[in-house]
């Protein structure tokens, strides 16, 4: 149990996110606009049909992503977001482990 807690703490350590090695790794995986928001690494990445505002990036993967139809909307949301609640803009869906949420603002 302790090793899992320590592993999680290491994965979430703000200092680790700011390493050039992680930034280089993420850039090599196709991430752009990589930044730390509220001690969480975020970035944008193109997926098949959307652009994802990806949250909780690490060497192991990510926590969740918000899918936007247009890159300009995803970038505007990333720039304006404080890391709390959901980001703004017309995101379509939030996906992640155990998460599959449609944007409530877009539901009629």
N, C-alpha and C. Protein backbone atom coordinates (compact mmCIF):
# COMPACT_ATOMS: atom_id res chain seq x y z
N UNK A 1 0.82 -1.20 0.00
CA UNK A 1 0.00 0.00 0.00
C UNK A 1 0.86 1.26 0.00
N UNK A 2 1.92 1.28 0.80
CA UNK A 2 2.78 2.45 0.89
C UNK A 2 3.43 2.75 -0.45
N UNK A 3 3.86 1.72 -1.18
CA UNK A 3 4.51 1.96 -2.47
C UNK A 3 3.55 2.62 -3.45
N UNK A 4 2.26 2.26 -3.42
CA UNK A 4 1.28 2.90 -4.30
C UNK A 4 1.11 4.37 -3.94
N UNK A 5 1.08 4.67 -2.65
CA UNK A 5 0.94 6.06 -2.21
C UNK A 5 2.17 6.85 -2.63
N UNK A 6 3.36 6.29 -2.43
CA UNK A 6 4.59 6.98 -2.82
C UNK A 6 4.66 7.16 -4.32
N UNK A 7 4.25 6.15 -5.08
CA UNK A 7 4.25 6.26 -6.54
C UNK A 7 3.31 7.37 -6.99
N UNK A 8 2.14 7.45 -6.36
CA UNK A 8 1.18 8.49 -6.72
C UNK A 8 1.75 9.86 -6.37
N UNK A 9 2.38 9.98 -5.21
CA UNK A 9 2.97 11.26 -4.80
C UNK A 9 4.07 11.68 -5.77
N UNK A 10 4.91 10.74 -6.19
CA UNK A 10 5.96 11.05 -7.16
C UNK A 10 5.38 11.47 -8.50
N UNK A 11 4.32 10.78 -8.92
CA UNK A 11 3.70 11.09 -10.20
C UNK A 11 3.07 12.48 -10.17
N UNK A 12 2.59 12.92 -9.01
CA UNK A 12 1.91 14.19 -8.91
C UNK A 12 2.82 15.32 -8.44
N UNK A 13 4.07 15.05 -8.22
CA UNK A 13 4.99 16.07 -7.74
C UNK A 13 5.16 17.17 -8.79
N UNK A 14 4.88 18.44 -8.44
CA UNK A 14 5.01 19.53 -9.40
C UNK A 14 6.41 19.65 -9.97
N UNK A 15 7.44 19.39 -9.16
CA UNK A 15 8.81 19.50 -9.65
C UNK A 15 9.07 18.51 -10.78
N UNK A 16 8.50 17.33 -10.68
CA UNK A 16 8.73 16.32 -11.71
C UNK A 16 8.10 16.73 -13.04
N UNK A 17 6.98 17.43 -12.98
CA UNK A 17 6.29 17.83 -14.20
C UNK A 17 7.10 18.84 -15.00
N UNK A 18 7.92 19.60 -14.33
CA UNK A 18 8.62 20.69 -14.99
C UNK A 18 9.96 20.25 -15.58
N UNK A 19 10.23 18.98 -15.57
CA UNK A 19 11.51 18.51 -16.10
C UNK A 19 11.50 18.59 -17.63
N UNK A 20 12.62 18.99 -18.19
CA UNK A 20 12.73 19.00 -19.65
C UNK A 20 12.50 17.61 -20.26
N UNK A 21 12.86 16.57 -19.51
CA UNK A 21 12.69 15.20 -20.02
C UNK A 21 11.21 14.90 -20.26
N UNK A 22 10.33 15.27 -19.31
CA UNK A 22 8.90 15.03 -19.50
C UNK A 22 8.35 15.87 -20.63
N UNK A 23 8.73 17.13 -20.68
CA UNK A 23 8.24 18.01 -21.75
C UNK A 23 8.67 17.48 -23.11
N UNK A 24 9.90 17.03 -23.23
CA UNK A 24 10.39 16.45 -24.48
C UNK A 24 9.64 15.18 -24.85
N UNK A 25 9.39 14.34 -23.85
CA UNK A 25 8.63 13.11 -24.07
C UNK A 25 7.24 13.43 -24.60
N UNK A 26 6.55 14.36 -23.93
CA UNK A 26 5.18 14.71 -24.34
C UNK A 26 5.15 15.34 -25.73
N UNK A 27 6.12 16.20 -26.02
CA UNK A 27 6.20 16.79 -27.36
C UNK A 27 6.38 15.70 -28.41
N UNK A 28 7.19 14.71 -28.11
CA UNK A 28 7.39 13.58 -29.01
C UNK A 28 6.13 12.74 -29.22
N UNK A 29 5.22 12.81 -28.26
CA UNK A 29 3.95 12.08 -28.36
C UNK A 29 2.87 12.91 -29.06
N UNK A 30 3.23 14.12 -29.49
CA UNK A 30 2.29 14.96 -30.23
C UNK A 30 1.60 16.04 -29.42
N UNK A 31 2.00 16.23 -28.17
CA UNK A 31 1.39 17.27 -27.34
C UNK A 31 2.01 18.62 -27.62
N UNK A 32 1.18 19.65 -27.63
CA UNK A 32 1.62 21.03 -27.81
C UNK A 32 1.02 21.87 -26.68
N UNK A 33 1.51 23.09 -26.54
CA UNK A 33 1.00 24.01 -25.52
C UNK A 33 1.04 23.37 -24.12
N UNK A 34 2.11 22.67 -23.82
CA UNK A 34 2.25 21.97 -22.54
C UNK A 34 2.50 23.00 -21.45
N UNK A 35 1.70 22.93 -20.39
CA UNK A 35 1.85 23.86 -19.27
C UNK A 35 1.37 23.23 -17.98
N UNK A 36 1.82 23.81 -16.87
CA UNK A 36 1.39 23.35 -15.55
C UNK A 36 0.31 24.30 -15.06
N UNK A 37 -0.85 23.74 -14.74
CA UNK A 37 -1.96 24.51 -14.19
C UNK A 37 -2.34 23.89 -12.86
N UNK A 38 -2.23 24.68 -11.81
CA UNK A 38 -2.60 24.20 -10.47
C UNK A 38 -1.89 22.88 -10.15
N UNK A 39 -0.59 22.82 -10.41
CA UNK A 39 0.26 21.64 -10.17
C UNK A 39 -0.09 20.42 -11.01
N UNK A 40 -0.80 20.61 -12.11
CA UNK A 40 -1.18 19.52 -12.99
C UNK A 40 -0.69 19.83 -14.40
N UNK A 41 -0.04 18.87 -15.05
CA UNK A 41 0.45 19.09 -16.40
C UNK A 41 -0.69 18.89 -17.39
N UNK A 42 -0.86 19.89 -18.26
CA UNK A 42 -1.91 19.87 -19.27
C UNK A 42 -1.30 20.18 -20.63
N UNK A 43 -1.99 19.81 -21.67
CA UNK A 43 -1.53 20.13 -23.02
C UNK A 43 -2.62 19.81 -24.02
N UNK A 44 -2.35 20.15 -25.26
CA UNK A 44 -3.29 19.87 -26.35
C UNK A 44 -2.71 18.78 -27.24
N UNK A 45 -3.60 17.95 -27.76
CA UNK A 45 -3.17 16.89 -28.69
C UNK A 45 -4.30 16.59 -29.66
N UNK A 46 -3.93 16.37 -30.89
CA UNK A 46 -4.89 16.02 -31.92
C UNK A 46 -5.25 14.55 -31.79
N UNK A 47 -6.54 14.25 -31.79
CA UNK A 47 -7.04 12.87 -31.83
C UNK A 47 -7.72 12.68 -33.18
N UNK A 48 -8.31 11.55 -33.43
CA UNK A 48 -8.88 11.27 -34.76
C UNK A 48 -9.87 12.33 -35.23
N UNK A 49 -10.81 12.69 -34.41
CA UNK A 49 -11.87 13.61 -34.83
C UNK A 49 -11.95 14.87 -34.00
N UNK A 50 -11.12 14.99 -32.98
CA UNK A 50 -11.18 16.14 -32.07
C UNK A 50 -9.78 16.58 -31.67
N UNK A 51 -9.73 17.70 -30.98
CA UNK A 51 -8.50 18.14 -30.32
C UNK A 51 -8.76 18.04 -28.83
N UNK A 52 -7.89 17.35 -28.13
CA UNK A 52 -8.07 17.15 -26.71
C UNK A 52 -7.30 18.14 -25.87
N UNK A 53 -7.98 18.71 -24.89
CA UNK A 53 -7.31 19.43 -23.81
C UNK A 53 -7.08 18.34 -22.77
N UNK A 54 -5.84 17.91 -22.65
CA UNK A 54 -5.51 16.73 -21.86
C UNK A 54 -4.97 17.16 -20.50
N UNK A 55 -5.49 16.53 -19.46
CA UNK A 55 -5.21 16.92 -18.07
C UNK A 55 -4.53 15.77 -17.33
N UNK A 56 -3.53 16.12 -16.53
CA UNK A 56 -2.85 15.11 -15.71
C UNK A 56 -1.86 14.28 -16.50
N UNK A 57 -1.13 14.92 -17.40
CA UNK A 57 -0.15 14.22 -18.22
C UNK A 57 1.03 13.75 -17.39
N UNK A 58 1.53 12.56 -17.73
CA UNK A 58 2.72 12.01 -17.09
C UNK A 58 3.37 11.04 -18.08
N UNK A 59 4.45 10.43 -17.67
CA UNK A 59 5.09 9.42 -18.51
C UNK A 59 4.17 8.22 -18.71
N UNK A 60 3.27 7.98 -17.77
CA UNK A 60 2.39 6.81 -17.82
C UNK A 60 1.13 7.02 -18.64
N UNK A 61 0.73 8.26 -18.90
CA UNK A 61 -0.51 8.53 -19.64
C UNK A 61 -1.13 9.83 -19.18
N UNK A 62 -2.46 9.84 -19.03
CA UNK A 62 -3.14 11.04 -18.57
C UNK A 62 -4.37 10.67 -17.77
N UNK A 63 -4.90 11.64 -17.01
CA UNK A 63 -6.08 11.41 -16.18
C UNK A 63 -7.38 11.51 -16.99
N UNK A 64 -7.50 12.59 -17.76
CA UNK A 64 -8.72 12.80 -18.55
C UNK A 64 -8.44 13.77 -19.68
N UNK A 65 -9.39 13.82 -20.62
CA UNK A 65 -9.25 14.79 -21.69
C UNK A 65 -10.62 15.37 -22.03
N UNK A 66 -10.60 16.62 -22.45
CA UNK A 66 -11.81 17.31 -22.91
C UNK A 66 -11.69 17.43 -24.42
N UNK A 67 -12.68 16.92 -25.12
CA UNK A 67 -12.64 16.87 -26.58
C UNK A 67 -13.32 18.10 -27.19
N UNK A 68 -12.59 18.81 -28.01
CA UNK A 68 -13.08 19.99 -28.72
C UNK A 68 -13.08 19.71 -30.22
N UNK A 69 -14.05 20.29 -30.91
CA UNK A 69 -14.10 20.13 -32.36
C UNK A 69 -12.98 20.90 -33.05
N UNK A 70 -12.67 22.09 -32.53
CA UNK A 70 -11.68 22.96 -33.18
C UNK A 70 -10.50 23.26 -32.26
N UNK A 71 -9.31 23.26 -32.84
CA UNK A 71 -8.10 23.52 -32.07
C UNK A 71 -8.13 24.91 -31.43
N UNK A 72 -8.67 25.90 -32.12
CA UNK A 72 -8.70 27.26 -31.56
C UNK A 72 -9.53 27.32 -30.28
N UNK A 73 -10.61 26.55 -30.21
CA UNK A 73 -11.44 26.51 -29.00
C UNK A 73 -10.70 25.82 -27.86
N UNK A 74 -10.00 24.75 -28.16
CA UNK A 74 -9.23 24.03 -27.14
C UNK A 74 -8.11 24.92 -26.61
N UNK A 75 -7.42 25.63 -27.49
CA UNK A 75 -6.34 26.51 -27.06
C UNK A 75 -6.88 27.66 -26.20
N UNK A 76 -7.97 28.27 -26.61
CA UNK A 76 -8.56 29.36 -25.82
C UNK A 76 -8.97 28.86 -24.43
N UNK A 77 -9.52 27.67 -24.36
CA UNK A 77 -9.93 27.09 -23.08
C UNK A 77 -8.72 26.81 -22.20
N UNK A 78 -7.66 26.27 -22.78
CA UNK A 78 -6.45 25.97 -22.02
C UNK A 78 -5.83 27.24 -21.46
N UNK A 79 -5.75 28.28 -22.27
CA UNK A 79 -5.15 29.54 -21.85
C UNK A 79 -5.95 30.18 -20.70
N UNK A 80 -7.27 30.07 -20.76
CA UNK A 80 -8.13 30.73 -19.77
C UNK A 80 -8.38 29.89 -18.52
N UNK A 81 -8.12 28.61 -18.56
CA UNK A 81 -8.51 27.70 -17.48
C UNK A 81 -7.60 27.81 -16.27
N UNK A 82 -8.20 27.79 -15.08
CA UNK A 82 -7.43 27.84 -13.83
C UNK A 82 -7.23 26.46 -13.22
N UNK A 83 -7.70 25.42 -13.88
CA UNK A 83 -7.52 24.05 -13.39
C UNK A 83 -8.62 23.57 -12.47
N UNK A 84 -9.56 24.43 -12.17
CA UNK A 84 -10.67 24.06 -11.29
C UNK A 84 -11.92 23.85 -12.13
N UNK A 85 -12.81 23.02 -11.61
CA UNK A 85 -14.05 22.70 -12.34
C UNK A 85 -13.68 22.19 -13.74
N UNK A 86 -14.56 22.40 -14.70
CA UNK A 86 -14.28 22.03 -16.09
C UNK A 86 -13.76 23.26 -16.83
N UNK A 87 -12.96 23.05 -17.88
CA UNK A 87 -12.54 24.21 -18.67
C UNK A 87 -13.73 24.80 -19.42
N UNK A 88 -13.56 26.01 -19.90
CA UNK A 88 -14.64 26.67 -20.64
C UNK A 88 -14.67 26.24 -22.10
N UNK A 89 -15.54 26.89 -22.82
CA UNK A 89 -15.63 26.63 -24.26
C UNK A 89 -16.51 25.45 -24.58
N UNK A 90 -16.66 25.22 -25.86
CA UNK A 90 -17.59 24.19 -26.34
C UNK A 90 -16.99 22.78 -26.39
N UNK A 91 -16.45 22.30 -25.26
CA UNK A 91 -15.97 20.92 -25.28
C UNK A 91 -17.19 20.00 -25.43
N UNK A 92 -16.97 18.92 -26.13
CA UNK A 92 -18.05 18.00 -26.46
C UNK A 92 -18.20 16.93 -25.39
N UNK A 93 -17.07 16.37 -24.99
CA UNK A 93 -17.09 15.24 -24.07
C UNK A 93 -15.83 15.24 -23.24
N UNK A 94 -15.95 14.76 -22.01
CA UNK A 94 -14.80 14.54 -21.14
C UNK A 94 -14.65 13.02 -21.00
N UNK A 95 -13.43 12.53 -21.29
CA UNK A 95 -13.17 11.10 -21.24
C UNK A 95 -11.97 10.83 -20.35
N UNK A 96 -11.99 9.68 -19.72
CA UNK A 96 -10.87 9.24 -18.90
C UNK A 96 -11.25 7.94 -18.23
N UNK A 97 -10.39 7.45 -17.35
CA UNK A 97 -10.68 6.21 -16.63
C UNK A 97 -11.90 6.43 -15.75
N UNK A 98 -13.00 5.79 -16.08
CA UNK A 98 -14.21 5.91 -15.31
C UNK A 98 -15.00 7.19 -15.57
N UNK A 99 -14.58 7.97 -16.57
CA UNK A 99 -15.24 9.25 -16.88
C UNK A 99 -15.72 9.21 -18.33
N UNK A 100 -16.99 9.53 -18.52
CA UNK A 100 -17.56 9.66 -19.86
C UNK A 100 -18.71 10.65 -19.73
N UNK A 101 -18.37 11.95 -19.84
CA UNK A 101 -19.30 13.02 -19.53
C UNK A 101 -19.53 13.91 -20.74
N UNK A 102 -20.78 14.09 -21.13
CA UNK A 102 -21.13 15.06 -22.16
C UNK A 102 -21.15 16.44 -21.52
N UNK A 103 -20.77 17.46 -22.28
CA UNK A 103 -20.77 18.82 -21.76
C UNK A 103 -22.19 19.25 -21.42
N UNK A 104 -22.50 19.48 -20.14
CA UNK A 104 -23.85 19.87 -19.75
C UNK A 104 -24.32 21.15 -20.42
N UNK A 105 -23.39 22.05 -20.74
CA UNK A 105 -23.75 23.32 -21.38
C UNK A 105 -24.27 23.11 -22.80
N UNK A 106 -23.95 22.00 -23.42
CA UNK A 106 -24.36 21.75 -24.81
C UNK A 106 -25.61 20.87 -24.90
N UNK A 107 -26.07 20.37 -23.76
CA UNK A 107 -27.25 19.51 -23.78
C UNK A 107 -28.52 20.36 -23.79
N UNK A 108 -29.48 19.92 -24.58
CA UNK A 108 -30.73 20.67 -24.71
C UNK A 108 -31.83 20.03 -23.90
